[in-house]
C-alpha cells in the first residue's frame, strides 16, 4: 500500500472473488508486543480478526446500483471505500466518497453550463 500510495486493497480468492478489504486501519493496535502478526499470511490475518467478532465483509455495490443507492450505502455504513463487483462477485472497481462528490459536482457543473 505504501509503494502505490493506496489506503486499502481488495483481497480476492483464487477465482477472483472479493474476500475482504485490507487497509491501514486494520493494522491499528499492532506494536512491538504483537508485531509477529505482520508475518502472517492474509488468510491467517483475516481469521485472527474474524475471531474478534468485528469482522464484516466489505461493502459492495454492483454495476446496476444507482447513484442514490451508492450514496445511501456510504451514508449508512460510514465506510471510506466501497467495491464495485460484477455478477460473479469479482471486483471491477473501487469508489470512495470523494469519487461520488466529484461525480455530483461535475454533473451539476455540466447541467448549469448547458442552460
N, C-alpha and C. Protein backbone atom coordinates (compact mmCIF):
# COMPACT_ATOMS: atom_id res chain seq x y z
N UNK A 1 0.83 -1.19 0.00
CA UNK A 1 0.00 0.00 0.00
C UNK A 1 0.87 1.25 0.00
N UNK A 2 1.98 1.21 0.72
CA UNK A 2 2.82 2.41 0.75
C UNK A 2 3.51 2.66 -0.59
N UNK A 3 3.84 1.62 -1.32
CA UNK A 3 4.51 1.79 -2.61
C UNK A 3 3.57 2.37 -3.67
N UNK A 4 2.29 2.07 -3.56
CA UNK A 4 1.32 2.56 -4.56
C UNK A 4 0.50 3.72 -4.04
N UNK A 5 0.76 4.16 -2.81
CA UNK A 5 0.05 5.28 -2.19
C UNK A 5 -1.46 5.04 -2.17
N UNK A 6 -1.85 3.81 -1.82
CA UNK A 6 -3.26 3.49 -1.68
C UNK A 6 -3.58 3.30 -0.20
N UNK A 7 -4.82 3.49 0.13
CA UNK A 7 -5.23 3.37 1.53
C UNK A 7 -5.82 2.00 1.85
N UNK A 8 -6.07 1.21 0.82
CA UNK A 8 -6.61 -0.12 1.04
C UNK A 8 -6.50 -0.95 -0.23
N UNK A 9 -6.60 -2.26 -0.06
CA UNK A 9 -6.53 -3.16 -1.21
C UNK A 9 -7.61 -4.22 -1.09
N UNK A 10 -8.10 -4.65 -2.23
CA UNK A 10 -9.06 -5.75 -2.27
C UNK A 10 -8.28 -7.06 -2.26
N UNK A 11 -8.71 -7.97 -1.44
CA UNK A 11 -8.10 -9.30 -1.40
C UNK A 11 -9.11 -10.26 -2.00
N UNK A 12 -8.68 -11.01 -3.00
CA UNK A 12 -9.58 -11.90 -3.72
C UNK A 12 -9.12 -13.35 -3.56
N UNK A 13 -10.05 -14.28 -3.84
CA UNK A 13 -9.71 -15.70 -3.78
C UNK A 13 -9.11 -16.14 -5.11
N UNK A 14 -8.85 -17.42 -5.25
CA UNK A 14 -8.23 -17.95 -6.47
C UNK A 14 -9.10 -17.74 -7.71
N UNK A 15 -10.41 -17.55 -7.51
CA UNK A 15 -11.32 -17.31 -8.63
C UNK A 15 -11.55 -15.83 -8.90
N UNK A 16 -10.88 -14.97 -8.14
CA UNK A 16 -11.01 -13.54 -8.35
C UNK A 16 -12.17 -12.89 -7.62
N UNK A 17 -12.88 -13.66 -6.76
CA UNK A 17 -14.00 -13.11 -6.00
C UNK A 17 -13.48 -12.37 -4.77
N UNK A 18 -14.12 -11.28 -4.46
CA UNK A 18 -13.72 -10.44 -3.35
C UNK A 18 -13.92 -11.16 -2.02
N UNK A 19 -12.86 -11.22 -1.22
CA UNK A 19 -12.93 -11.81 0.11
C UNK A 19 -13.03 -10.75 1.20
N UNK A 20 -12.08 -9.81 1.16
CA UNK A 20 -12.10 -8.75 2.16
C UNK A 20 -11.23 -7.59 1.70
N UNK A 21 -11.34 -6.54 2.44
CA UNK A 21 -10.56 -5.33 2.22
C UNK A 21 -9.49 -5.26 3.30
N UNK A 22 -8.29 -4.89 2.91
CA UNK A 22 -7.23 -4.69 3.88
C UNK A 22 -6.80 -3.23 3.79
N UNK A 23 -6.86 -2.52 4.91
CA UNK A 23 -6.47 -1.12 4.93
C UNK A 23 -5.58 -0.85 6.13
N UNK A 24 -5.03 0.32 6.15
CA UNK A 24 -4.14 0.70 7.24
C UNK A 24 -4.85 0.63 8.58
N UNK A 25 -6.15 0.90 8.61
CA UNK A 25 -6.87 0.85 9.89
C UNK A 25 -6.94 -0.57 10.44
N UNK A 26 -6.78 -1.58 9.59
CA UNK A 26 -6.76 -2.97 10.06
C UNK A 26 -5.48 -3.27 10.85
N UNK A 27 -4.50 -2.42 10.71
CA UNK A 27 -3.22 -2.63 11.38
C UNK A 27 -3.11 -1.86 12.69
N UNK A 28 -4.16 -1.14 13.03
CA UNK A 28 -4.14 -0.40 14.30
C UNK A 28 -3.97 -1.37 15.46
N UNK A 29 -3.21 -0.96 16.43
CA UNK A 29 -3.01 -1.80 17.61
C UNK A 29 -1.82 -2.72 17.52
N UNK A 30 -1.18 -2.77 16.36
CA UNK A 30 0.00 -3.61 16.23
C UNK A 30 1.19 -2.82 16.78
N UNK A 31 1.90 -3.44 17.71
CA UNK A 31 3.05 -2.80 18.32
C UNK A 31 4.16 -3.82 18.51
N UNK A 32 5.17 -3.47 19.24
CA UNK A 32 6.33 -4.34 19.43
C UNK A 32 5.95 -5.67 20.08
N UNK A 33 4.87 -5.71 20.85
CA UNK A 33 4.47 -6.93 21.55
C UNK A 33 3.72 -7.93 20.67
N UNK A 34 3.12 -7.45 19.59
CA UNK A 34 2.36 -8.38 18.74
C UNK A 34 2.71 -8.22 17.26
N UNK A 35 3.86 -7.64 16.96
CA UNK A 35 4.23 -7.39 15.57
C UNK A 35 4.45 -8.66 14.75
N UNK A 36 4.53 -9.80 15.41
CA UNK A 36 4.70 -11.06 14.66
C UNK A 36 3.52 -11.32 13.73
N UNK A 37 2.39 -10.70 14.01
CA UNK A 37 1.22 -10.86 13.15
C UNK A 37 1.50 -10.36 11.73
N UNK A 38 2.47 -9.48 11.58
CA UNK A 38 2.82 -8.96 10.26
C UNK A 38 3.46 -10.03 9.37
N UNK A 39 3.92 -11.13 9.98
CA UNK A 39 4.47 -12.24 9.20
C UNK A 39 3.41 -13.27 8.84
N UNK A 40 2.18 -13.02 9.23
CA UNK A 40 1.07 -13.94 8.92
C UNK A 40 0.69 -13.83 7.45
N UNK A 41 0.10 -14.89 6.94
CA UNK A 41 -0.49 -14.79 5.61
C UNK A 41 -1.76 -13.96 5.73
N UNK A 42 -2.26 -13.48 4.60
CA UNK A 42 -3.50 -12.70 4.64
C UNK A 42 -4.66 -13.54 5.17
N UNK A 43 -4.65 -14.84 4.84
CA UNK A 43 -5.71 -15.72 5.34
C UNK A 43 -5.64 -15.82 6.86
N UNK A 44 -4.45 -15.98 7.42
CA UNK A 44 -4.29 -16.06 8.88
C UNK A 44 -4.68 -14.73 9.53
N UNK A 45 -4.32 -13.62 8.90
CA UNK A 45 -4.66 -12.31 9.44
C UNK A 45 -6.19 -12.13 9.46
N UNK A 46 -6.83 -12.54 8.38
CA UNK A 46 -8.29 -12.44 8.30
C UNK A 46 -8.95 -13.30 9.38
N UNK A 47 -8.48 -14.52 9.55
CA UNK A 47 -9.06 -15.40 10.57
C UNK A 47 -8.83 -14.86 11.97
N UNK A 48 -7.69 -14.26 12.22
CA UNK A 48 -7.40 -13.65 13.52
C UNK A 48 -8.38 -12.53 13.80
N UNK A 49 -8.60 -11.68 12.82
CA UNK A 49 -9.52 -10.56 13.00
C UNK A 49 -10.97 -11.01 13.05
N UNK A 50 -11.31 -12.02 12.27
CA UNK A 50 -12.69 -12.51 12.28
C UNK A 50 -13.06 -13.06 13.66
N UNK A 51 -12.08 -13.63 14.36
CA UNK A 51 -12.35 -14.20 15.68
C UNK A 51 -12.65 -13.13 16.72
N UNK A 52 -12.36 -11.86 16.40
CA UNK A 52 -12.62 -10.77 17.35
C UNK A 52 -14.06 -10.26 17.27
N UNK A 53 -14.88 -10.84 16.43
CA UNK A 53 -16.30 -10.50 16.28
C UNK A 53 -16.57 -9.15 15.64
N UNK A 54 -15.59 -8.45 15.14
CA UNK A 54 -15.89 -7.20 14.48
C UNK A 54 -15.76 -7.31 12.98
N UNK A 55 -15.36 -8.47 12.52
CA UNK A 55 -15.13 -8.66 11.10
C UNK A 55 -16.43 -8.61 10.32
N UNK A 56 -16.42 -7.88 9.23
CA UNK A 56 -17.55 -7.88 8.31
C UNK A 56 -17.01 -7.96 6.89
N UNK A 57 -17.85 -8.42 6.00
CA UNK A 57 -17.47 -8.45 4.59
C UNK A 57 -17.41 -7.02 4.08
N UNK A 58 -16.63 -6.79 3.04
CA UNK A 58 -16.56 -5.43 2.51
C UNK A 58 -17.91 -5.00 1.94
N UNK A 59 -18.18 -3.72 2.04
CA UNK A 59 -19.40 -3.16 1.48
C UNK A 59 -19.22 -3.05 -0.02
N UNK A 60 -20.20 -3.56 -0.76
CA UNK A 60 -20.11 -3.59 -2.21
C UNK A 60 -21.39 -3.09 -2.86
N UNK A 61 -21.24 -2.62 -4.06
CA UNK A 61 -22.37 -2.32 -4.93
C UNK A 61 -22.11 -3.05 -6.23
N UNK A 62 -23.17 -3.29 -6.99
CA UNK A 62 -22.94 -3.93 -8.28
C UNK A 62 -23.13 -2.90 -9.39
N UNK A 63 -22.87 -3.32 -10.60
CA UNK A 63 -22.88 -2.41 -11.73
C UNK A 63 -24.26 -1.83 -12.01
N UNK A 64 -25.32 -2.44 -11.49
CA UNK A 64 -26.67 -1.92 -11.71
C UNK A 64 -27.13 -0.99 -10.60
N UNK A 65 -26.31 -0.78 -9.57
CA UNK A 65 -26.67 0.11 -8.47
C UNK A 65 -26.76 1.55 -8.97
N UNK A 66 -27.76 2.26 -8.45
CA UNK A 66 -27.91 3.65 -8.83
C UNK A 66 -26.98 4.52 -7.98
N UNK A 67 -26.80 5.75 -8.42
CA UNK A 67 -26.01 6.70 -7.65
C UNK A 67 -26.64 6.92 -6.28
N UNK A 68 -27.96 7.00 -6.24
CA UNK A 68 -28.66 7.19 -4.97
C UNK A 68 -28.39 6.01 -4.02
N UNK A 69 -28.50 4.79 -4.51
CA UNK A 69 -28.24 3.60 -3.68
C UNK A 69 -26.80 3.59 -3.17
N UNK A 70 -25.88 3.99 -4.03
CA UNK A 70 -24.47 4.00 -3.65
C UNK A 70 -24.21 5.06 -2.58
N UNK A 71 -24.78 6.25 -2.76
CA UNK A 71 -24.65 7.29 -1.74
C UNK A 71 -25.26 6.84 -0.42
N UNK A 72 -26.40 6.19 -0.50
CA UNK A 72 -27.08 5.70 0.70
C UNK A 72 -26.20 4.68 1.43
N UNK A 73 -25.53 3.82 0.69
CA UNK A 73 -24.61 2.85 1.30
C UNK A 73 -23.48 3.55 2.05
N UNK A 74 -22.91 4.59 1.43
CA UNK A 74 -21.83 5.33 2.10
C UNK A 74 -22.32 5.98 3.39
N UNK A 75 -23.49 6.60 3.32
CA UNK A 75 -24.02 7.29 4.50
C UNK A 75 -24.36 6.30 5.61
N UNK A 76 -25.02 5.22 5.26
CA UNK A 76 -25.48 4.26 6.28
C UNK A 76 -24.35 3.44 6.89
N UNK A 77 -23.34 3.11 6.12
CA UNK A 77 -22.27 2.24 6.62
C UNK A 77 -21.05 3.01 7.12
N UNK A 78 -20.93 4.25 6.71
CA UNK A 78 -19.80 5.10 7.10
C UNK A 78 -18.44 4.51 6.70
N UNK A 79 -18.43 3.79 5.61
CA UNK A 79 -17.16 3.25 5.11
C UNK A 79 -16.45 4.31 4.28
N UNK A 80 -15.16 4.11 4.07
CA UNK A 80 -14.38 5.06 3.28
C UNK A 80 -14.22 4.59 1.84
N UNK A 81 -14.39 3.30 1.64
CA UNK A 81 -14.26 2.76 0.28
C UNK A 81 -15.27 1.65 0.09
N UNK A 82 -15.67 1.51 -1.14
CA UNK A 82 -16.66 0.50 -1.49
C UNK A 82 -16.22 -0.10 -2.83
N UNK A 83 -16.41 -1.38 -2.96
CA UNK A 83 -16.03 -2.04 -4.21
C UNK A 83 -17.24 -2.23 -5.11
N UNK A 84 -17.00 -2.08 -6.39
CA UNK A 84 -18.00 -2.39 -7.41
C UNK A 84 -17.69 -3.80 -7.87
N UNK A 85 -18.69 -4.68 -7.77
CA UNK A 85 -18.46 -6.08 -8.15
C UNK A 85 -19.38 -6.47 -9.30
N UNK A 86 -18.96 -7.46 -10.04
CA UNK A 86 -19.79 -7.99 -11.12
C UNK A 86 -20.68 -9.10 -10.58
N UNK A 87 -21.42 -9.75 -11.47
CA UNK A 87 -22.36 -10.79 -11.07
C UNK A 87 -21.69 -11.99 -10.41
N UNK A 88 -20.40 -12.19 -10.65
CA UNK A 88 -19.66 -13.31 -10.05
C UNK A 88 -18.97 -12.94 -8.74
N UNK A 89 -19.17 -11.70 -8.28
CA UNK A 89 -18.54 -11.26 -7.04
C UNK A 89 -17.10 -10.82 -7.21
N UNK A 90 -16.70 -10.55 -8.45
CA UNK A 90 -15.33 -10.11 -8.73
C UNK A 90 -15.30 -8.58 -8.77
N UNK A 91 -14.33 -7.98 -8.09
CA UNK A 91 -14.27 -6.52 -8.12
C UNK A 91 -13.90 -5.99 -9.50
N UNK A 92 -14.63 -4.97 -9.92
CA UNK A 92 -14.35 -4.32 -11.19
C UNK A 92 -13.88 -2.89 -10.97
N UNK A 93 -14.03 -2.40 -9.75
CA UNK A 93 -13.61 -1.05 -9.45
C UNK A 93 -13.77 -0.75 -7.97
N UNK A 94 -13.36 0.44 -7.63
CA UNK A 94 -13.43 0.90 -6.24
C UNK A 94 -13.95 2.33 -6.25
N UNK A 95 -14.77 2.65 -5.28
CA UNK A 95 -15.29 4.01 -5.13
C UNK A 95 -14.97 4.51 -3.74
N UNK A 96 -14.76 5.80 -3.62
CA UNK A 96 -14.70 6.40 -2.30
C UNK A 96 -15.65 7.59 -2.31
N UNK A 97 -15.90 8.15 -1.15
CA UNK A 97 -16.89 9.23 -1.07
C UNK A 97 -16.46 10.44 -1.90
N UNK A 98 -15.17 10.67 -2.05
CA UNK A 98 -14.71 11.78 -2.89
C UNK A 98 -15.06 11.56 -4.36
N UNK A 99 -15.01 10.30 -4.81
CA UNK A 99 -15.39 10.00 -6.19
C UNK A 99 -16.84 10.40 -6.45
N UNK A 100 -17.71 10.07 -5.51
CA UNK A 100 -19.12 10.39 -5.69
C UNK A 100 -19.37 11.89 -5.63
N UNK A 101 -18.72 12.57 -4.72
CA UNK A 101 -18.88 14.02 -4.65
C UNK A 101 -18.39 14.68 -5.95
N UNK A 102 -17.30 14.18 -6.52
CA UNK A 102 -16.79 14.70 -7.78
C UNK A 102 -17.80 14.47 -8.90
N UNK A 103 -18.42 13.28 -8.93
CA UNK A 103 -19.43 12.99 -9.95
C UNK A 103 -20.62 13.95 -9.84
N UNK A 104 -21.08 14.17 -8.63
CA UNK A 104 -22.22 15.07 -8.42
C UNK A 104 -21.85 16.48 -8.83
N UNK A 105 -20.66 16.93 -8.43
CA UNK A 105 -20.21 18.27 -8.78
C UNK A 105 -20.12 18.42 -10.30
N UNK A 106 -19.50 17.45 -10.98
CA UNK A 106 -19.35 17.53 -12.43
C UNK A 106 -20.71 17.52 -13.12
N UNK A 107 -21.63 16.72 -12.62
CA UNK A 107 -22.98 16.68 -13.20
C UNK A 107 -23.65 18.04 -13.05
N UNK A 108 -23.58 18.60 -11.87
CA UNK A 108 -24.18 19.92 -11.62
C UNK A 108 -23.52 20.99 -12.49
N UNK A 109 -22.20 20.94 -12.60
CA UNK A 109 -21.47 21.91 -13.39
C UNK A 109 -21.89 21.81 -14.86
N UNK A 110 -21.95 20.60 -15.39
CA UNK A 110 -22.34 20.41 -16.79
C UNK A 110 -23.79 20.81 -17.02
N UNK A 111 -24.66 20.50 -16.09
CA UNK A 111 -26.07 20.86 -16.21
C UNK A 111 -26.23 22.37 -16.24
N UNK A 112 -25.54 23.08 -15.36
CA UNK A 112 -25.63 24.54 -15.32
C UNK A 112 -25.02 25.17 -16.57
N UNK A 113 -23.96 24.57 -17.08
CA UNK A 113 -23.28 25.09 -18.25
C UNK A 113 -24.16 25.00 -19.50
N UNK A 114 -24.98 23.96 -19.56
CA UNK A 114 -25.84 23.74 -20.73
C UNK A 114 -27.04 24.68 -20.75
N UNK A 115 -27.41 25.24 -19.60
CA UNK A 115 -28.57 26.14 -19.58
C UNK A 115 -28.20 27.57 -19.75
